[in-house]
Amino acid sequence: MEKNLLKFGELLKNFRIERNFSLREICKLADYDPSNWSKIERGKMPPPADKNTLLKWAKILGLSPDKKELNDFLDCAAIAQGIIPEDILSDADTVKLLPAFFRTIRDEKPTKKEIEELFKLIKSNK
């Protein structure tokens, strides 16, 4: 999980630097403790679990809801927290197939029916 914390931290830091914010400036805008923000950027602390806080940060960083950057930001935060993103968990068909997906990426063999359903789900979400 530490690797995932570091990945989110690097993403957060890169967005901040690309927008020319100092650590103190971004924390003032976000009303967030600079010490904790720094810990998040260095992968020493997980991002906040509160989606509203993450959306506030995304807005300050200029991540538009219609851009891939916002979803990457939110997904990366969820992974760093060790959770599955909300939009994935809200789809019952997807949740039903998650065990087969996890087995597949672990090189464990899913059933033929699970593979067929997984492919059908992937194709329907294009």
Protein backbone atom coordinates (compact mmCIF):
# COMPACT_ATOMS: atom_id res chain seq x y z
CA MET A 1 0.00 0.00 0.00
CA GLU A 2 2.96 2.32 0.62
CA LYS A 3 3.65 2.31 -3.13
CA ASN A 4 0.07 3.46 -3.75
CA LEU A 5 0.44 6.23 -1.17
CA LEU A 6 3.57 7.42 -2.93
CA LYS A 7 1.87 7.30 -6.34
CA PHE A 8 -0.98 9.51 -5.13
CA GLY A 9 1.47 11.83 -3.39
CA GLU A 10 3.51 12.24 -6.55
CA LEU A 11 0.35 12.93 -8.57
CA LEU A 12 -0.78 15.54 -6.04
CA LYS A 13 2.63 17.20 -5.97
CA ASN A 14 2.90 17.23 -9.78
CA PHE A 15 -0.52 18.88 -10.13
CA ARG A 16 0.44 21.47 -7.50
CA ILE A 17 3.77 22.29 -9.14
CA GLU A 18 2.27 22.38 -12.66
CA ARG A 19 -0.17 25.02 -11.40
CA ASN A 20 2.69 27.01 -9.80
CA PHE A 21 1.39 26.70 -6.25
CA SER A 22 3.78 26.62 -3.32
CA LEU A 23 2.93 24.19 -0.56
CA ARG A 24 1.84 27.03 1.72
CA GLU A 25 -0.30 28.67 -1.01
CA ILE A 26 -2.21 25.49 -1.85
CA CYS A 27 -2.77 24.69 1.82
CA LYS A 28 -4.12 28.16 2.49
CA LEU A 29 -6.57 27.81 -0.43
CA ALA A 30 -7.54 24.29 0.64
CA ASP A 31 -7.68 25.18 4.33
CA TYR A 32 -5.42 22.20 5.04
CA ASP A 33 -2.42 21.74 7.31
CA PRO A 34 0.84 22.13 5.32
CA SER A 35 2.59 19.46 7.38
CA ASN A 36 -0.09 16.90 6.57
CA TRP A 37 -0.20 17.93 2.90
CA SER A 38 3.56 17.41 2.73
CA LYS A 39 3.21 13.97 4.34
CA ILE A 40 0.63 13.04 1.70
CA GLU A 41 2.90 14.25 -1.13
CA ARG A 42 5.78 12.18 0.29
CA GLY A 43 3.63 9.06 0.64
CA LYS A 44 3.84 9.09 4.44
CA MET A 45 0.13 9.63 4.99
CA PRO A 46 -2.95 8.56 3.00
CA PRO A 47 -5.13 11.12 1.24
CA PRO A 48 -8.34 12.16 2.96
CA ALA A 49 -11.15 9.64 2.68
CA ASP A 50 -13.71 12.43 2.38
CA LYS A 51 -14.70 12.80 -1.27
CA ASN A 52 -15.79 16.42 -0.76
CA THR A 53 -12.28 17.32 0.43
CA LEU A 54 -10.76 15.60 -2.60
CA LEU A 55 -13.19 17.39 -4.92
CA LYS A 56 -12.30 20.72 -3.28
CA TRP A 57 -8.60 19.99 -3.87
CA ALA A 58 -9.32 18.98 -7.45
CA LYS A 59 -11.19 22.23 -8.06
CA ILE A 60 -8.34 24.30 -6.60
CA LEU A 61 -5.91 22.38 -8.80
CA GLY A 62 -8.09 23.06 -11.85
CA LEU A 63 -9.07 19.45 -12.51
CA SER A 64 -12.22 19.64 -14.58
CA PRO A 65 -14.98 17.02 -14.14
CA ASP A 66 -14.98 16.42 -17.90
CA LYS A 67 -11.27 15.59 -18.02
CA LYS A 68 -9.58 12.27 -17.40
CA GLU A 69 -7.36 13.98 -14.79
CA LEU A 70 -10.17 14.23 -12.24
CA ASN A 71 -11.06 10.53 -12.45
CA ASP A 72 -7.38 9.60 -12.26
CA PHE A 73 -7.00 11.82 -9.19
CA LEU A 74 -10.04 10.32 -7.42
CA ASP A 75 -9.18 6.74 -8.44
CA CYS A 76 -5.59 7.14 -7.32
CA ALA A 77 -6.80 8.49 -3.95
CA ALA A 78 -9.17 5.54 -3.51
CA ILE A 79 -6.42 3.05 -4.33
CA ALA A 80 -4.05 4.79 -1.89
CA GLN A 81 -6.73 4.39 0.77
CA GLY A 82 -7.08 0.71 -0.13
CA ILE A 83 -10.65 0.99 -1.36
CA ILE A 84 -12.47 0.39 -4.63
CA PRO A 85 -13.80 3.61 -6.24
CA GLU A 86 -17.46 4.40 -5.50
CA ASP A 87 -18.61 4.37 -9.13
CA ILE A 88 -17.33 0.80 -9.51
CA LEU A 89 -19.08 -0.37 -6.34
CA SER A 90 -22.36 1.26 -7.39
CA ASP A 91 -22.70 -1.03 -10.42
CA ALA A 92 -24.10 -4.39 -9.27
CA ASP A 93 -23.02 -6.22 -12.45
CA THR A 94 -19.45 -5.00 -12.03
CA VAL A 95 -19.32 -5.89 -8.33
CA LYS A 96 -20.56 -9.39 -9.11
CA LEU A 97 -17.60 -9.89 -11.46
CA LEU A 98 -14.88 -8.35 -9.27
CA PRO A 99 -13.81 -11.68 -7.75
CA ALA A 100 -13.25 -13.12 -11.26
CA PHE A 101 -11.36 -9.98 -12.25
CA PHE A 102 -9.15 -10.19 -9.15
CA ARG A 103 -8.41 -13.86 -9.76
CA THR A 104 -7.57 -13.11 -13.39
CA ILE A 105 -5.04 -10.41 -12.55
CA ARG A 106 -3.51 -12.72 -9.92
CA ASP A 107 -3.00 -15.34 -12.66
CA GLU A 108 -5.65 -17.60 -11.16
CA LYS A 109 -8.02 -19.17 -13.62
CA PRO A 110 -11.62 -17.86 -13.54
CA THR A 111 -14.45 -20.01 -14.87
CA LYS A 112 -15.41 -19.82 -18.53
CA LYS A 113 -18.75 -18.26 -17.57
CA GLU A 114 -16.98 -15.58 -15.48
CA ILE A 115 -14.69 -14.75 -18.41
CA GLU A 116 -17.63 -14.44 -20.79
CA GLU A 117 -19.52 -12.18 -18.37
CA LEU A 118 -16.40 -10.09 -17.77
CA PHE A 119 -15.88 -9.58 -21.51
CA LYS A 120 -19.56 -8.70 -21.96
CA LEU A 121 -19.31 -6.11 -19.19
CA ILE A 122 -16.11 -4.61 -20.58
CA LYS A 123 -17.61 -4.33 -24.07
CA SER A 124 -20.79 -2.71 -22.76
CA ASN A 125 -18.80 0.05 -20.99
CA LYS A 126 -16.93 1.31 -24.05
